[in-house]
């Protein structure tokens, strides 16, 4: 069953519950009225008919009230104005219902109704109708409140499930399947040549995967944690490229306690490897330093922006994370200079 069908079923069930409970409520009022009119169920046709009129018109009025309340709830007006509107409508409707019931009383010339004793007193009757409709309104608003709370909880659960599914999808996108395939193949080949190096490489893979899994619940990590995982990532790529490319990592130790979004540098490094010119003697540099109270993180590789996707989905996502998690104190840019491409994160003091 799709989500639209489920929503229609929920809507139908909610309407059915309203009709059932509303009908039962007015039937109970009818039974109480008949009881008083007939001296505990003594047969009295006029009392029974008049009670049907009271309950029937009340039932129809309750449908109007439901429609009216649904409209003022949708408008999201201030609570005081909503209450005043509700009171005004209840008084008007109570007056109109009193007039309607009075017309029935006059037209059919009821003479044997015990509690009226042959006279229809307008103000007491109007007050009693106002009380009945007020009680109905309180019950309805309480019902809608609990119904809305239930819907909010359901929506929260749905959102939580969607976020978990999104996290799993993001997890799949964090590391290129091609990179993992190469890393595993390289480790498998290395086992026969250098078992110790193969074991160390396997540790790097496990650390990388563990970091990605743990980061799902974090918005910021210390630079020191990020650098450790960058080192593992570099080691695995070094295993693949050999002496074809040189990785240069320079980090000012005084900055290891600053916080950045997880996998920020790893993403820049992956982008440099994927779109850079990887030839004999090429290099990829990762530098973290501070200047004029600003922290600079950049990844530089040989190549050009021509033919590259520029700010792809991953880089745009990183830019948004930097803005949201660091309260607009960071920015990101990627530029080409002297046949090299530099991706740079700048973190400004708060």
C-alpha atoms as a PDB file:
ATOM      1  CA  UNK A   1       0.000   0.000   0.000  1.00  0.00           C
ATOM      2  CA  UNK A   2       1.489   3.393  -1.043  1.00  0.00           C
ATOM      3  CA  UNK A   3       1.636   6.510   1.147  1.00  0.00           C
ATOM      4  CA  UNK A   4      -1.342   8.175  -0.611  1.00  0.00           C
ATOM      5  CA  UNK A   5      -3.571   5.174   0.075  1.00  0.00           C
ATOM      6  CA  UNK A   6      -2.487   5.140   3.719  1.00  0.00           C
ATOM      7  CA  UNK A   7      -3.274   8.849   4.097  1.00  0.00           C
ATOM      8  CA  UNK A   8      -6.727   8.357   2.543  1.00  0.00           C
ATOM      9  CA  UNK A   9      -7.418   5.467   4.911  1.00  0.00           C
ATOM     10  CA  UNK A  10      -6.357   7.564   7.912  1.00  0.00           C
ATOM     11  CA  UNK A  11      -8.596  10.420   6.745  1.00  0.00           C
ATOM     12  CA  UNK A  12     -11.538   8.057   6.247  1.00  0.00           C
ATOM     13  CA  UNK A  13     -11.009   6.479   9.672  1.00  0.00           C
ATOM     14  CA  UNK A  14     -10.836   9.907  11.331  1.00  0.00           C
ATOM     15  CA  UNK A  15     -14.104  10.975   9.677  1.00  0.00           C
ATOM     16  CA  UNK A  16     -15.741   7.688  10.606  1.00  0.00           C
ATOM     17  CA  UNK A  17     -14.677   8.114  14.249  1.00  0.00           C
ATOM     18  CA  UNK A  18     -16.146  11.621  14.280  1.00  0.00           C
ATOM     19  CA  UNK A  19     -19.478  10.523  12.825  1.00  0.00           C
ATOM     20  CA  UNK A  20     -19.764   7.579  15.211  1.00  0.00           C
ATOM     21  CA  UNK A  21     -18.837   9.484  18.383  1.00  0.00           C
ATOM     22  CA  UNK A  22     -20.865  12.554  17.411  1.00  0.00           C
ATOM     23  CA  UNK A  23     -23.941  10.446  16.685  1.00  0.00           C
ATOM     24  CA  UNK A  24     -23.582   8.525  19.946  1.00  0.00           C
ATOM     25  CA  UNK A  25     -23.248  11.795  21.879  1.00  0.00           C
ATOM     26  CA  UNK A  26     -26.443  13.283  20.490  1.00  0.00           C
ATOM     27  CA  UNK A  27     -28.328   9.998  20.931  1.00  0.00           C
ATOM     28  CA  UNK A  28     -27.314  10.033  24.608  1.00  0.00           C
ATOM     29  CA  UNK A  29     -28.571  13.626  24.898  1.00  0.00           C
ATOM     30  CA  UNK A  30     -31.815  12.539  23.240  1.00  0.00           C
ATOM     31  CA  UNK A  31     -32.199   9.647  25.689  1.00  0.00           C
ATOM     32  CA  UNK A  32     -31.564  11.930  28.683  1.00  0.00           C
ATOM     33  CA  UNK A  33     -34.093  14.437  27.406  1.00  0.00           C
ATOM     34  CA  UNK A  34     -36.720  11.747  26.834  1.00  0.00           C
ATOM     35  CA  UNK A  35     -36.094  10.411  30.329  1.00  0.00           C
ATOM     36  CA  UNK A  36     -36.838  13.767  31.943  1.00  0.00           C
ATOM     37  CA  UNK A  37     -39.775  14.499  29.663  1.00  0.00           C
ATOM     38  CA  UNK A  38     -41.556  11.184  30.192  1.00  0.00           C
ATOM     39  CA  UNK A  39     -40.935  10.760  33.924  1.00  0.00           C
ATOM     40  CA  UNK A  40     -38.456   7.909  33.504  1.00  0.00           C
ATOM     41  CA  UNK A  41     -39.677   6.385  30.251  1.00  0.00           C
ATOM     42  CA  UNK A  42     -43.436   6.793  30.692  1.00  0.00           C
ATOM     43  CA  UNK A  43     -44.856   6.873  27.168  1.00  0.00           C
ATOM     44  CA  UNK A  44     -45.245  10.459  25.913  1.00  0.00           C
ATOM     45  CA  UNK A  45     -45.248  10.988  22.157  1.00  0.00           C
ATOM     46  CA  UNK A  46     -44.795  14.769  22.375  1.00  0.00           C
ATOM     47  CA  UNK A  47     -41.686  14.408  24.552  1.00  0.00           C
ATOM     48  CA  UNK A  48     -40.170  11.804  22.246  1.00  0.00           C
ATOM     49  CA  UNK A  49     -40.843  13.897  19.140  1.00  0.00           C
ATOM     50  CA  UNK A  50     -39.536  17.089  20.752  1.00  0.00           C
ATOM     51  CA  UNK A  51     -36.397  15.277  21.939  1.00  0.00           C
ATOM     52  CA  UNK A  52     -35.792  14.104  18.388  1.00  0.00           C
ATOM     53  CA  UNK A  53     -36.056  17.729  17.250  1.00  0.00           C
ATOM     54  CA  UNK A  54     -33.566  18.875  19.905  1.00  0.00           C
ATOM     55  CA  UNK A  55     -31.055  16.113  19.143  1.00  0.00           C
ATOM     56  CA  UNK A  56     -31.523  16.362  15.362  1.00  0.00           C
ATOM     57  CA  UNK A  57     -31.013  20.119  15.141  1.00  0.00           C
ATOM     58  CA  UNK A  58     -28.128  19.832  17.598  1.00  0.00           C
ATOM     59  CA  UNK A  59     -26.516  17.183  15.404  1.00  0.00           C
ATOM     60  CA  UNK A  60     -26.793  19.402  12.322  1.00  0.00           C
ATOM     61  CA  UNK A  61     -25.402  22.385  14.225  1.00  0.00           C
ATOM     62  CA  UNK A  62     -22.442  20.292  15.395  1.00  0.00           C
ATOM     63  CA  UNK A  63     -21.575  19.590  11.748  1.00  0.00           C
ATOM     64  CA  UNK A  64     -21.506  23.323  11.065  1.00  0.00           C
ATOM     65  CA  UNK A  65     -19.363  23.921  14.159  1.00  0.00           C
ATOM     66  CA  UNK A  66     -16.922  21.277  13.005  1.00  0.00           C
ATOM     67  CA  UNK A  67     -16.618  22.996   9.625  1.00  0.00           C
ATOM     68  CA  UNK A  68     -16.225  26.413  11.263  1.00  0.00           C
ATOM     69  CA  UNK A  69     -13.600  25.213  13.739  1.00  0.00           C
ATOM     70  CA  UNK A  70     -11.598  23.532  10.979  1.00  0.00           C
ATOM     71  CA  UNK A  71     -11.475  26.860   9.139  1.00  0.00           C
ATOM     72  CA  UNK A  72     -10.306  28.959  12.091  1.00  0.00           C
ATOM     73  CA  UNK A  73      -7.726  26.308  13.014  1.00  0.00           C
ATOM     74  CA  UNK A  74      -6.288  26.433   9.471  1.00  0.00           C
ATOM     75  CA  UNK A  75      -6.047  30.247   9.654  1.00  0.00           C
ATOM     76  CA  UNK A  76      -3.505  30.011  12.511  1.00  0.00           C
ATOM     77  CA  UNK A  77      -4.928  33.115  14.191  1.00  0.00           C
ATOM     78  CA  UNK A  78      -3.820  34.084  17.729  1.00  0.00           C
ATOM     79  CA  UNK A  79      -5.417  31.923  20.426  1.00  0.00           C
ATOM     80  CA  UNK A  80      -7.303  34.837  22.039  1.00  0.00           C
ATOM     81  CA  UNK A  81      -8.916  35.850  18.740  1.00  0.00           C
ATOM     82  CA  UNK A  82      -9.792  32.206  18.042  1.00  0.00           C
ATOM     83  CA  UNK A  83     -11.472  31.879  21.453  1.00  0.00           C
ATOM     84  CA  UNK A  84     -13.420  35.129  20.976  1.00  0.00           C
ATOM     85  CA  UNK A  85     -14.576  33.990  17.535  1.00  0.00           C
ATOM     86  CA  UNK A  86     -15.658  30.656  18.991  1.00  0.00           C
ATOM     87  CA  UNK A  87     -17.616  32.276  21.842  1.00  0.00           C
ATOM     88  CA  UNK A  88     -19.355  34.679  19.446  1.00  0.00           C
ATOM     89  CA  UNK A  89     -20.358  31.857  17.100  1.00  0.00           C
ATOM     90  CA  UNK A  90     -21.579  29.698  20.005  1.00  0.00           C
ATOM     91  CA  UNK A  91     -23.798  32.518  21.307  1.00  0.00           C
ATOM     92  CA  UNK A  92     -25.251  33.208  17.854  1.00  0.00           C
ATOM     93  CA  UNK A  93     -25.893  29.525  17.163  1.00  0.00           C
ATOM     94  CA  UNK A  94     -27.390  28.993  20.641  1.00  0.00           C
ATOM     95  CA  UNK A  95     -29.778  31.876  19.961  1.00  0.00           C
ATOM     96  CA  UNK A  96     -30.716  30.502  16.522  1.00  0.00           C
ATOM     97  CA  UNK A  97     -31.264  27.004  17.917  1.00  0.00           C
ATOM     98  CA  UNK A  98     -33.469  28.450  20.644  1.00  0.00           C
ATOM     99  CA  UNK A  99     -35.572  30.200  17.983  1.00  0.00           C
ATOM    100  CA  UNK A 100     -35.813  26.985  15.916  1.00  0.00           C
ATOM    101  CA  UNK A 101     -36.873  24.891  18.923  1.00  0.00           C
ATOM    102  CA  UNK A 102     -39.330  27.608  19.970  1.00  0.00           C
ATOM    103  CA  UNK A 103     -40.915  27.491  16.504  1.00  0.00           C
ATOM    104  CA  UNK A 104     -41.402  23.731  16.863  1.00  0.00           C
ATOM    105  CA  UNK A 105     -42.850  24.273  20.330  1.00  0.00           C
ATOM    106  CA  UNK A 106     -45.357  26.838  19.025  1.00  0.00           C
ATOM    107  CA  UNK A 107     -46.269  25.041  15.786  1.00  0.00           C
ATOM    108  CA  UNK A 108     -46.932  21.678  17.420  1.00  0.00           C
ATOM    109  CA  UNK A 109     -48.459  23.208  20.592  1.00  0.00           C
ATOM    110  CA  UNK A 110     -46.710  20.905  23.053  1.00  0.00           C
ATOM    111  CA  UNK A 111     -48.644  20.918  26.304  1.00  0.00           C
ATOM    112  CA  UNK A 112     -47.410  17.891  28.220  1.00  0.00           C
ATOM    113  CA  UNK A 113     -43.698  18.588  28.512  1.00  0.00           C
ATOM    114  CA  UNK A 114     -42.895  18.256  32.192  1.00  0.00           C
ATOM    115  CA  UNK A 115     -39.867  20.492  32.658  1.00  0.00           C
ATOM    116  CA  UNK A 116     -41.325  23.334  30.560  1.00  0.00           C
ATOM    117  CA  UNK A 117     -44.726  23.168  32.252  1.00  0.00           C
ATOM    118  CA  UNK A 118     -46.381  24.494  29.132  1.00  0.00           C
ATOM    119  CA  UNK A 119     -44.145  27.545  28.826  1.00  0.00           C
ATOM    120  CA  UNK A 120     -40.999  28.038  26.767  1.00  0.00           C
ATOM    121  CA  UNK A 121     -38.558  30.250  28.654  1.00  0.00           C
ATOM    122  CA  UNK A 122     -36.161  31.673  26.077  1.00  0.00           C
ATOM    123  CA  UNK A 123     -33.174  32.822  28.160  1.00  0.00           C
ATOM    124  CA  UNK A 124     -32.815  29.694  30.346  1.00  0.00           C
ATOM    125  CA  UNK A 125     -33.247  27.515  27.266  1.00  0.00           C
ATOM    126  CA  UNK A 126     -30.675  29.532  25.311  1.00  0.00           C
ATOM    127  CA  UNK A 127     -28.253  29.270  28.237  1.00  0.00           C
ATOM    128  CA  UNK A 128     -28.726  25.498  28.410  1.00  0.00           C
ATOM    129  CA  UNK A 129     -28.053  25.220  24.643  1.00  0.00           C
ATOM    130  CA  UNK A 130     -24.959  27.394  25.060  1.00  0.00           C
ATOM    131  CA  UNK A 131     -23.715  25.042  27.783  1.00  0.00           C
ATOM    132  CA  UNK A 132     -24.377  21.939  25.663  1.00  0.00           C
ATOM    133  CA  UNK A 133     -22.629  23.374  22.596  1.00  0.00           C
ATOM    134  CA  UNK A 134     -19.732  24.659  24.735  1.00  0.00           C
ATOM    135  CA  UNK A 135     -19.225  21.187  26.193  1.00  0.00           C
ATOM    136  CA  UNK A 136     -19.377  19.739  22.675  1.00  0.00           C
ATOM    137  CA  UNK A 137     -16.775  22.291  21.529  1.00  0.00           C
ATOM    138  CA  UNK A 138     -14.436  21.473  24.421  1.00  0.00           C
ATOM    139  CA  UNK A 139     -14.691  17.768  23.640  1.00  0.00           C
ATOM    140  CA  UNK A 140     -14.066  18.448  19.936  1.00  0.00           C
ATOM    141  CA  UNK A 141     -11.019  20.650  20.560  1.00  0.00           C
ATOM    142  CA  UNK A 142      -9.571  18.101  22.985  1.00  0.00           C
ATOM    143  CA  UNK A 143     -10.105  15.388  20.390  1.00  0.00           C
ATOM    144  CA  UNK A 144      -8.413  17.492  17.691  1.00  0.00           C
ATOM    145  CA  UNK A 145      -5.537  18.306  20.049  1.00  0.00           C
ATOM    146  CA  UNK A 146      -4.780  14.651  20.771  1.00  0.00           C
ATOM    147  CA  UNK A 147      -5.289  13.801  17.096  1.00  0.00           C
ATOM    148  CA  UNK A 148      -2.770  16.484  16.087  1.00  0.00           C
ATOM    149  CA  UNK A 149      -0.304  15.314  18.748  1.00  0.00           C
ATOM    150  CA  UNK A 150      -0.603  11.795  17.388  1.00  0.00           C
ATOM    151  CA  UNK A 151      -0.018  13.093  13.854  1.00  0.00           C
ATOM    152  CA  UNK A 152       3.040  15.076  15.012  1.00  0.00           C
ATOM    153  CA  UNK A 153       4.515  11.959  16.633  1.00  0.00           C
ATOM    154  CA  UNK A 154       3.791   9.924  13.493  1.00  0.00           C
ATOM    155  CA  UNK A 155       5.408  12.589  11.296  1.00  0.00           C
ATOM    156  CA  UNK A 156       8.453  12.637  13.591  1.00  0.00           C
ATOM    157  CA  UNK A 157       8.812   8.875  13.259  1.00  0.00           C
ATOM    158  CA  UNK A 158       8.484   9.115   9.471  1.00  0.00           C
ATOM    159  CA  UNK A 159      11.068  11.913   9.356  1.00  0.00           C
ATOM    160  CA  UNK A 160      13.420   9.926  11.585  1.00  0.00           C
ATOM    161  CA  UNK A 161      13.101   6.925   9.272  1.00  0.00           C
ATOM    162  CA  UNK A 162      13.720   9.078   6.196  1.00  0.00           C
ATOM    163  CA  UNK A 163      16.802  10.606   7.847  1.00  0.00           C
ATOM    164  CA  UNK A 164      18.169   7.150   8.632  1.00  0.00           C
ATOM    165  CA  UNK A 165      17.619   6.107   5.024  1.00  0.00           C
ATOM    166  CA  UNK A 166      19.330   9.321   3.869  1.00  0.00           C
ATOM    167  CA  UNK A 167      22.249   8.646   6.212  1.00  0.00           C
ATOM    168  CA  UNK A 168      22.669   5.190   4.725  1.00  0.00           C
ATOM    169  CA  UNK A 169      22.534   6.674   1.243  1.00  0.00           C
ATOM    170  CA  UNK A 170      25.117   9.304   2.215  1.00  0.00           C
ATOM    171  CA  UNK A 171      27.306   6.591   3.690  1.00  0.00           C
ATOM    172  CA  UNK A 172      27.338   4.826   0.341  1.00  0.00           C
ATOM    173  CA  UNK A 173      28.316   8.088  -1.358  1.00  0.00           C
ATOM    174  CA  UNK A 174      31.101   9.068   1.053  1.00  0.00           C
ATOM    175  CA  UNK A 175      33.632   6.649  -0.375  1.00  0.00           C
ATOM    176  CA  UNK A 176      33.886   5.853  -4.033  1.00  0.00           C
ATOM    177  CA  UNK A 177      33.133   2.147  -4.647  1.00  0.00           C
ATOM    178  CA  UNK A 178      35.972   2.291  -7.182  1.00  0.00           C
ATOM    179  CA  UNK A 179      38.366   3.435  -4.442  1.00  0.00           C
ATOM    180  CA  UNK A 180      37.308   0.616  -2.096  1.00  0.00           C
ATOM    181  CA  UNK A 181      37.575  -1.932  -4.907  1.00  0.00           C
ATOM    182  CA  UNK A 182      41.117  -0.774  -5.719  1.00  0.00           C
ATOM    183  CA  UNK A 183      42.118  -0.720  -2.042  1.00  0.00           C
ATOM    184  CA  UNK A 184      40.899  -4.278  -1.436  1.00  0.00           C
ATOM    185  CA  UNK A 185      42.542  -5.557  -4.619  1.00  0.00           C
ATOM    186  CA  UNK A 186      45.823  -3.865  -3.710  1.00  0.00           C
ATOM    187  CA  UNK A 187      45.740  -5.359  -0.214  1.00  0.00           C
ATOM    188  CA  UNK A 188      45.005  -8.804  -1.633  1.00  0.00           C
ATOM    189  CA  UNK A 189      47.995  -8.531  -3.973  1.00  0.00           C
ATOM    190  CA  UNK A 190      50.187  -7.164  -1.188  1.00  0.00           C
ATOM    191  CA  UNK A 191      49.478 -10.122   1.112  1.00  0.00           C
ATOM    192  CA  UNK A 192      51.748 -12.392  -0.949  1.00  0.00           C
ATOM    193  CA  UNK A 193      54.539  -9.800  -1.086  1.00  0.00           C
ATOM    194  CA  UNK A 194      54.463  -7.980   2.260  1.00  0.00           C
ATOM    195  CA  UNK A 195      52.028  -9.367   4.816  1.00  0.00           C
ATOM    196  CA  UNK A 196      52.842  -6.678   7.390  1.00  0.00           C
ATOM    197  CA  UNK A 197      52.107  -3.834   4.954  1.00  0.00           C
ATOM    198  CA  UNK A 198      48.918  -5.607   3.894  1.00  0.00           C
ATOM    199  CA  UNK A 199      47.825  -5.806   7.527  1.00  0.00           C
ATOM    200  CA  UNK A 200      48.534  -2.089   8.043  1.00  0.00           C
ATOM    201  CA  UNK A 201      46.570  -1.215   4.902  1.00  0.00           C
ATOM    202  CA  UNK A 202      43.646  -3.289   6.121  1.00  0.00           C
ATOM    203  CA  UNK A 203      43.751  -1.332   9.389  1.00  0.00           C
ATOM    204  CA  UNK A 204      43.585   1.909   7.375  1.00  0.00           C
ATOM    205  CA  UNK A 205      40.473   0.664   5.539  1.00  0.00           C
ATOM    206  CA  UNK A 206      38.751  -0.329   8.789  1.00  0.00           C
ATOM    207  CA  UNK A 207      39.624   3.029  10.397  1.00  0.00           C
ATOM    208  CA  UNK A 208      38.231   4.872   7.407  1.00  0.00           C
ATOM    209  CA  UNK A 209      34.962   2.917   7.447  1.00  0.00           C
ATOM    210  CA  UNK A 210      34.636   3.247  11.232  1.00  0.00           C
ATOM    211  CA  UNK A 211      35.149   6.996  10.997  1.00  0.00           C
ATOM    212  CA  UNK A 212      32.449   7.320   8.337  1.00  0.00           C
ATOM    213  CA  UNK A 213      29.997   5.299  10.434  1.00  0.00           C
ATOM    214  CA  UNK A 214      30.726   7.291  13.580  1.00  0.00           C
ATOM    215  CA  UNK A 215      30.482  10.629  11.828  1.00  0.00           C
ATOM    216  CA  UNK A 216      26.802  10.033  11.021  1.00  0.00           C
ATOM    217  CA  UNK A 217      25.901  11.262  14.508  1.00  0.00           C
ATOM    218  CA  UNK A 218      28.298  14.219  14.514  1.00  0.00           C
ATOM    219  CA  UNK A 219      28.134  17.599  12.852  1.00  0.00           C
ATOM    220  CA  UNK A 220      31.647  18.685  13.844  1.00  0.00           C
ATOM    221  CA  UNK A 221      34.906  16.894  14.658  1.00  0.00           C
ATOM    222  CA  UNK A 222      38.292  18.081  15.830  1.00  0.00           C
ATOM    223  CA  UNK A 223      40.841  18.705  13.107  1.00  0.00           C
ATOM    224  CA  UNK A 224      43.083  16.110  14.749  1.00  0.00           C
ATOM    225  CA  UNK A 225      40.482  13.378  14.100  1.00  0.00           C
ATOM    226  CA  UNK A 226      40.061  14.475  10.502  1.00  0.00           C
ATOM    227  CA  UNK A 227      43.818  14.542   9.887  1.00  0.00           C
ATOM    228  CA  UNK A 228      44.201  10.992  11.208  1.00  0.00           C
ATOM    229  CA  UNK A 229      41.630   9.714   8.742  1.00  0.00           C
ATOM    230  CA  UNK A 230      43.218  11.781   5.953  1.00  0.00           C
ATOM    231  CA  UNK A 231      46.521  10.032   6.699  1.00  0.00           C
ATOM    232  CA  UNK A 232      44.810   6.644   6.331  1.00  0.00           C
ATOM    233  CA  UNK A 233      43.209   7.780   3.088  1.00  0.00           C
ATOM    234  CA  UNK A 234      46.578   8.977   1.763  1.00  0.00           C
ATOM    235  CA  UNK A 235      48.259   5.681   2.700  1.00  0.00           C
ATOM    236  CA  UNK A 236      45.643   3.679   0.800  1.00  0.00           C
ATOM    237  CA  UNK A 237      45.994   5.898  -2.269  1.00  0.00           C
ATOM    238  CA  UNK A 238      49.776   5.748  -2.017  1.00  0.00           C
ATOM    239  CA  UNK A 239      49.462   1.979  -2.126  1.00  0.00           C
ATOM    240  CA  UNK A 240      47.509   2.301  -5.371  1.00  0.00           C
ATOM    241  CA  UNK A 241      49.541   5.020  -7.138  1.00  0.00           C
ATOM    242  CA  UNK A 242      52.990   4.132  -5.782  1.00  0.00           C
ATOM    243  CA  UNK A 243      55.628   6.725  -6.701  1.00  0.00           C
ATOM    244  CA  UNK A 244      53.436   8.098  -9.475  1.00  0.00           C
ATOM    245  CA  UNK A 245      52.134  10.848  -7.203  1.00  0.00           C
ATOM    246  CA  UNK A 246      53.529  12.501  -4.091  1.00  0.00           C
ATOM    247  CA  UNK A 247      51.199  13.392  -1.237  1.00  0.00           C
ATOM    248  CA  UNK A 248      52.313  16.345   0.894  1.00  0.00           C
ATOM    249  CA  UNK A 249      50.569  16.921   4.237  1.00  0.00           C
ATOM    250  CA  UNK A 250      51.430  19.978   6.339  1.00  0.00           C
ATOM    251  CA  UNK A 251      49.388  20.839   9.436  1.00  0.00           C
ATOM    252  CA  UNK A 252      50.056  23.424  12.114  1.00  0.00           C
ATOM    253  CA  UNK A 253      49.808  21.474  15.384  1.00  0.00           C
ATOM    254  CA  UNK A 254      48.365  24.507  17.184  1.00  0.00           C
ATOM    255  CA  UNK A 255      45.193  24.107  15.115  1.00  0.00           C
ATOM    256  CA  UNK A 256      44.421  20.478  15.931  1.00  0.00           C
ATOM    257  CA  UNK A 257      41.674  21.474  18.389  1.00  0.00           C
ATOM    258  CA  UNK A 258      39.596  23.504  15.935  1.00  0.00           C
ATOM    259  CA  UNK A 259      36.342  21.937  14.749  1.00  0.00           C
ATOM    260  CA  UNK A 260      35.297  21.294  11.168  1.00  0.00           C
ATOM    261  CA  UNK A 261      32.555  19.220   9.504  1.00  0.00           C
ATOM    262  CA  UNK A 262      33.672  15.565   9.289  1.00  0.00           C
ATOM    263  CA  UNK A 263      35.187  14.296   6.042  1.00  0.00           C
ATOM    264  CA  UNK A 264      35.733  17.858   4.796  1.00  0.00           C
ATOM    265  CA  UNK A 265      39.423  17.434   3.950  1.00  0.00           C
ATOM    266  CA  UNK A 266      38.916  13.847   2.797  1.00  0.00           C
ATOM    267  CA  UNK A 267      36.318  15.077   0.293  1.00  0.00           C
ATOM    268  CA  UNK A 268      38.693  17.738  -1.070  1.00  0.00           C
ATOM    269  CA  UNK A 269      41.462  15.167  -1.327  1.00  0.00           C
ATOM    270  CA  UNK A 270      39.206  12.692  -3.119  1.00  0.00           C
ATOM    271  CA  UNK A 271      38.120  15.424  -5.527  1.00  0.00           C
ATOM    272  CA  UNK A 272      41.765  16.318  -6.245  1.00  0.00           C
ATOM    273  CA  UNK A 273      42.639  12.683  -6.992  1.00  0.00           C
ATOM    274  CA  UNK A 274      39.583  12.179  -9.164  1.00  0.00           C
ATOM    275  CA  UNK A 275      39.889  15.329 -11.294  1.00  0.00           C
ATOM    276  CA  UNK A 276      43.604  16.169 -11.071  1.00  0.00           C
ATOM    277  CA  UNK A 277      46.342  15.254 -13.532  1.00  0.00           C
ATOM    278  CA  UNK A 278      47.918  12.154 -12.014  1.00  0.00           C
ATOM    279  CA  UNK A 279      51.180  11.704 -13.894  1.00  0.00           C
ATOM    280  CA  UNK A 280      54.705  10.691 -13.004  1.00  0.00           C
ATOM    281  CA  UNK A 281      56.106  13.333 -10.681  1.00  0.00           C
ATOM    282  CA  UNK A 282      52.778  15.004  -9.893  1.00  0.00           C
ATOM    283  CA  UNK A 283      51.857  15.973  -6.360  1.00  0.00           C
ATOM    284  CA  UNK A 284      48.832  16.667  -4.206  1.00  0.00           C
ATOM    285  CA  UNK A 285      49.288  19.044  -1.279  1.00  0.00           C
ATOM    286  CA  UNK A 286      47.186  19.352   1.874  1.00  0.00           C
ATOM    287  CA  UNK A 287      47.994  22.393   4.006  1.00  0.00           C
ATOM    288  CA  UNK A 288      46.376  23.641   7.235  1.00  0.00           C
ATOM    289  CA  UNK A 289      47.674  26.927   8.652  1.00  0.00           C
ATOM    290  CA  UNK A 290      46.509  30.178  10.211  1.00  0.00           C
ATOM    291  CA  UNK A 291      47.078  33.777   9.206  1.00  0.00           C
ATOM    292  CA  UNK A 292      45.612  36.995  10.622  1.00  0.00           C
ATOM    293  CA  UNK A 293      43.389  35.006  13.009  1.00  0.00           C
ATOM    294  CA  UNK A 294      41.925  33.021  10.119  1.00  0.00           C
ATOM    295  CA  UNK A 295      42.416  29.299   9.526  1.00  0.00           C
ATOM    296  CA  UNK A 296      43.118  28.149   5.976  1.00  0.00           C
ATOM    297  CA  UNK A 297      42.670  24.579   4.774  1.00  0.00           C
ATOM    298  CA  UNK A 298      43.549  23.913   1.173  1.00  0.00           C
ATOM    299  CA  UNK A 299      44.117  20.973  -1.121  1.00  0.00           C
ATOM    300  CA  UNK A 300      46.154  21.694  -4.251  1.00  0.00           C
ATOM    301  CA  UNK A 301      46.708  19.500  -7.302  1.00  0.00           C
ATOM    302  CA  UNK A 302      48.046  19.827 -10.850  1.00  0.00           C
ATOM    303  CA  UNK A 303      45.321  20.271 -13.435  1.00  0.00           C
ATOM    304  CA  UNK A 304      42.690  22.728 -14.590  1.00  0.00           C
ATOM    305  CA  UNK A 305      39.033  23.454 -13.982  1.00  0.00           C
ATOM    306  CA  UNK A 306      38.265  22.963 -17.678  1.00  0.00           C
ATOM    307  CA  UNK A 307      36.385  19.732 -18.176  1.00  0.00           C
ATOM    308  CA  UNK A 308      35.937  19.217 -14.436  1.00  0.00           C
ATOM    309  CA  UNK A 309      32.478  19.441 -12.835  1.00  0.00           C
ATOM    310  CA  UNK A 310      33.547  22.405 -10.682  1.00  0.00           C
ATOM    311  CA  UNK A 311      31.394  22.585  -7.590  1.00  0.00           C
ATOM    312  CA  UNK A 312      29.693  19.204  -7.868  1.00  0.00           C
ATOM    313  CA  UNK A 313      27.093  17.828  -5.482  1.00  0.00           C
ATOM    314  CA  UNK A 314      29.685  16.787  -2.911  1.00  0.00           C
ATOM    315  CA  UNK A 315      31.423  20.173  -2.886  1.00  0.00           C
ATOM    316  CA  UNK A 316      28.120  22.085  -2.798  1.00  0.00           C
ATOM    317  CA  UNK A 317      27.035  19.940   0.114  1.00  0.00           C
ATOM    318  CA  UNK A 318      30.335  20.676   1.879  1.00  0.00           C
ATOM    319  CA  UNK A 319      29.829  24.403   1.337  1.00  0.00           C
ATOM    320  CA  UNK A 320      26.347  24.232   2.880  1.00  0.00           C
ATOM    321  CA  UNK A 321      27.652  22.215   5.838  1.00  0.00           C
ATOM    322  CA  UNK A 322      30.409  24.768   6.465  1.00  0.00           C
ATOM    323  CA  UNK A 323      27.888  27.614   6.489  1.00  0.00           C
ATOM    324  CA  UNK A 324      25.330  25.887   8.715  1.00  0.00           C
ATOM    325  CA  UNK A 325      27.649  24.149  11.183  1.00  0.00           C
ATOM    326  CA  UNK A 326      30.130  27.011  11.619  1.00  0.00           C
ATOM    327  CA  UNK A 327      27.493  29.771  11.789  1.00  0.00           C
ATOM    328  CA  UNK A 328      28.523  31.556   8.602  1.00  0.00           C
ATOM    329  CA  UNK A 329      32.088  31.958   9.889  1.00  0.00           C
ATOM    330  CA  UNK A 330      33.521  29.787   7.107  1.00  0.00           C
ATOM    331  CA  UNK A 331      33.529  29.891   3.333  1.00  0.00           C
ATOM    332  CA  UNK A 332      34.679  27.647   0.515  1.00  0.00           C
ATOM    333  CA  UNK A 333      36.089  28.353  -2.914  1.00  0.00           C
ATOM    334  CA  UNK A 334      37.851  26.469  -5.679  1.00  0.00           C
ATOM    335  CA  UNK A 335      40.073  28.216  -8.199  1.00  0.00           C
ATOM    336  CA  UNK A 336      42.757  27.626 -10.830  1.00  0.00           C
ATOM    337  CA  UNK A 337      46.186  29.277 -10.802  1.00  0.00           C
ATOM    338  CA  UNK A 338      49.468  28.402 -12.547  1.00  0.00           C
ATOM    339  CA  UNK A 339      48.167  25.114 -13.974  1.00  0.00           C
ATOM    340  CA  UNK A 340      47.024  24.012 -10.516  1.00  0.00           C
ATOM    341  CA  UNK A 341      43.608  23.752  -8.904  1.00  0.00           C
ATOM    342  CA  UNK A 342      43.180  24.746  -5.266  1.00  0.00           C
ATOM    343  CA  UNK A 343      40.152  23.960  -3.113  1.00  0.00           C
ATOM    344  CA  UNK A 344      40.225  26.200  -0.064  1.00  0.00           C
ATOM    345  CA  UNK A 345      38.264  26.394   3.197  1.00  0.00           C
ATOM    346  CA  UNK A 346      38.622  29.596   5.218  1.00  0.00           C
ATOM    347  CA  UNK A 347      37.446  29.678   8.831  1.00  0.00           C
ATOM    348  CA  UNK A 348      37.080  33.131  10.340  1.00  0.00           C
ATOM    349  CA  UNK A 349      37.046  33.917  14.078  1.00  0.00           C
ATOM    350  CA  UNK A 350      33.554  34.149  15.630  1.00  0.00           C
END
